[in-house]
Amino acid sequence: MTAQLDQATFADLYAEVQQFYAHHIWLLDEGAADEVAETFTEDVSMVSPPKVPEPIRGRAALHTGLLKVAETLAAQGVRYRRCHSMMSVAPQPGGELRVRSYVLVVRTVQGGESVVHAMCVCEDVLVRVDGELKVRERVVTRDDQR
């Protein structure tokens, strides 16, 4: 069951969620592990097969993984850009938001061409912590892994 909001309130909420993702994805693409980790709750759960087949649990563990990936990509001269689109926001009773979107991932090696790396579906649960939206749960499914 989704919570009912009037159209103006939902439009404001949708814009807020869209702005959250614009900032969150930009930080992720820049390899800003410290800042990205802060966009997740302390008790986050994230799974993204095949790279992350078992859930990562907790912000500290996620931060460690983000740092490792950022360092590896920088050393390899690889940059990813995630194009987050077709976002569906479903407010739930209690205030959490279920957000489903498509994510097109483009990979670029320094000096090389950009190529499509993956097409994914991202399903998040967002909650407010001290008034700020944060990801509490993330499940990413690649189209080629279904």
Protein backbone atom coordinates (compact mmCIF):
# COMPACT_ATOMS: atom_id res chain seq x y z
CA MET A 1 0.00 0.00 0.00
CA THR A 2 1.32 3.44 -0.84
CA ALA A 3 0.67 6.54 1.20
CA GLN A 4 -1.63 9.07 -0.47
CA LEU A 5 -0.25 12.57 -1.10
CA ASP A 6 -1.86 15.48 -2.88
CA GLN A 7 -0.37 16.30 -6.28
CA ALA A 8 1.57 19.40 -5.16
CA THR A 9 3.06 17.62 -2.15
CA PHE A 10 4.04 14.65 -4.30
CA ALA A 11 5.64 16.96 -6.91
CA ASP A 12 7.77 18.56 -4.17
CA LEU A 13 8.73 15.14 -2.81
CA TYR A 14 9.59 13.83 -6.28
CA ALA A 15 11.82 16.86 -6.93
CA GLU A 16 13.56 16.31 -3.59
CA VAL A 17 14.18 12.64 -4.39
CA GLN A 18 15.45 13.54 -7.86
CA GLN A 19 17.86 16.09 -6.37
CA PHE A 20 19.03 13.50 -3.81
CA TYR A 21 19.92 11.07 -6.59
CA ALA A 22 21.60 13.74 -8.73
CA HIS A 23 23.95 14.48 -5.84
CA HIS A 24 24.31 10.85 -4.67
CA ILE A 25 25.16 9.49 -8.14
CA TRP A 26 27.55 12.36 -8.86
CA LEU A 27 29.45 11.62 -5.63
CA LEU A 28 29.50 7.92 -6.52
CA ASP A 29 30.83 8.60 -10.01
CA GLU A 30 33.53 10.89 -8.61
CA GLY A 31 34.76 8.18 -6.23
CA ALA A 32 34.01 10.33 -3.17
CA ALA A 33 33.73 7.33 -0.84
CA ASP A 34 33.44 9.32 2.41
CA GLU A 35 30.63 11.51 1.11
CA VAL A 36 28.83 8.65 -0.66
CA ALA A 37 28.85 6.56 2.52
CA GLU A 38 27.08 9.41 4.34
CA THR A 39 24.15 9.12 1.90
CA PHE A 40 23.38 5.67 3.35
CA THR A 41 21.94 4.80 6.76
CA GLU A 42 24.10 3.17 9.43
CA ASP A 43 22.20 -0.11 8.94
CA VAL A 44 22.22 -0.10 5.12
CA SER A 45 21.90 -3.32 3.16
CA MET A 46 23.10 -3.35 -0.45
CA VAL A 47 23.35 -6.11 -3.03
CA SER A 48 24.40 -5.78 -6.68
CA PRO A 49 25.18 -9.10 -8.39
CA PRO A 50 27.51 -10.19 -9.88
CA LYS A 51 30.01 -7.77 -8.26
CA VAL A 52 28.25 -7.77 -4.89
CA PRO A 53 26.43 -11.14 -4.74
CA GLU A 54 25.94 -11.14 -0.95
CA PRO A 55 24.50 -8.12 0.84
CA ILE A 56 26.90 -5.59 2.27
CA ARG A 57 25.51 -4.70 5.68
CA GLY A 58 26.27 -1.49 7.50
CA ARG A 59 27.70 1.86 6.47
CA ALA A 60 31.23 1.02 7.70
CA ALA A 61 31.45 -2.09 5.49
CA LEU A 62 29.99 -0.19 2.55
CA HIS A 63 32.51 2.63 3.06
CA THR A 64 35.40 0.16 3.03
CA GLY A 65 34.16 -1.29 -0.26
CA LEU A 66 33.62 2.14 -1.81
CA LEU A 67 37.19 3.19 -0.91
CA LYS A 68 38.66 0.03 -2.43
CA VAL A 69 36.70 0.44 -5.67
CA ALA A 70 37.58 4.14 -5.96
CA GLU A 71 41.30 3.41 -5.49
CA THR A 72 41.24 0.54 -8.00
CA LEU A 73 39.41 2.55 -10.66
CA ALA A 74 41.73 5.54 -10.21
CA ALA A 75 44.78 3.30 -10.57
CA GLN A 76 43.32 1.76 -13.75
CA GLY A 77 42.30 5.13 -15.23
CA VAL A 78 38.68 3.99 -15.42
CA ARG A 79 35.66 6.21 -14.87
CA TYR A 80 32.04 5.15 -14.62
CA ARG A 81 29.08 7.43 -15.21
CA ARG A 82 25.65 6.31 -14.09
CA CYS A 83 22.64 7.74 -15.92
CA HIS A 84 19.78 7.43 -13.45
CA SER A 85 16.36 7.63 -15.15
CA MET A 86 12.70 6.52 -15.26
CA MET A 87 12.37 7.00 -11.52
CA SER A 88 9.22 5.81 -9.80
CA VAL A 89 8.67 7.04 -6.23
CA ALA A 90 6.16 5.26 -3.99
CA PRO A 91 5.63 6.83 -0.54
CA GLN A 92 4.87 4.22 2.11
CA PRO A 93 3.01 4.45 5.41
CA GLY A 94 5.55 5.45 8.06
CA GLY A 95 7.42 7.76 5.70
CA GLU A 96 9.78 5.46 3.84
CA LEU A 97 10.00 5.81 0.06
CA ARG A 98 10.33 2.94 -2.37
CA VAL A 99 12.20 4.15 -5.44
CA ARG A 100 12.67 2.13 -8.61
CA SER A 101 14.74 3.39 -11.53
CA TYR A 102 16.78 2.41 -14.53
CA VAL A 103 20.53 2.98 -14.42
CA LEU A 104 22.61 3.01 -17.60
CA VAL A 105 26.29 2.58 -16.68
CA VAL A 106 28.90 3.97 -19.09
CA ARG A 107 32.57 2.98 -18.70
CA THR A 108 35.44 5.12 -19.97
CA VAL A 109 39.12 4.24 -19.85
CA GLN A 110 41.34 7.34 -19.84
CA GLY A 111 42.24 8.11 -23.45
CA GLY A 112 39.69 5.61 -24.75
CA GLU A 113 36.10 5.64 -25.87
CA SER A 114 33.07 5.50 -23.66
CA VAL A 115 31.11 2.25 -23.86
CA VAL A 116 27.90 0.99 -22.32
CA HIS A 117 28.95 -1.24 -19.43
CA ALA A 118 25.55 -2.33 -18.09
CA MET A 119 21.85 -1.59 -17.93
CA CYS A 120 20.38 -2.06 -14.47
CA VAL A 121 17.27 -1.72 -12.37
CA CYS A 122 17.90 -0.06 -9.01
CA GLU A 123 15.39 -0.58 -6.22
CA ASP A 124 15.96 1.54 -3.12
CA VAL A 125 14.25 2.21 0.16
CA LEU A 126 14.86 5.79 1.26
CA VAL A 127 14.24 7.05 4.79
CA ARG A 128 14.78 10.35 6.56
CA VAL A 129 17.55 10.63 9.12
CA ASP A 130 17.69 14.01 10.85
CA GLY A 131 15.57 15.41 8.01
CA GLU A 132 17.84 14.14 5.21
CA LEU A 133 17.04 11.38 2.73
CA LYS A 134 19.32 8.36 2.98
CA VAL A 135 19.38 4.93 1.34
CA ARG A 136 18.51 2.16 3.81
CA GLU A 137 18.26 -0.65 1.30
CA ARG A 138 19.50 -1.07 -2.27
CA VAL A 139 19.07 -3.93 -4.70
CA VAL A 140 20.62 -3.52 -8.15
CA THR A 141 19.82 -6.06 -10.84
CA ARG A 142 21.71 -6.06 -14.14
CA ASP A 143 19.63 -6.86 -17.21
CA ASP A 144 22.27 -9.33 -18.44
CA GLN A 145 22.16 -11.22 -15.11
CA ARG A 146 18.41 -11.89 -14.98
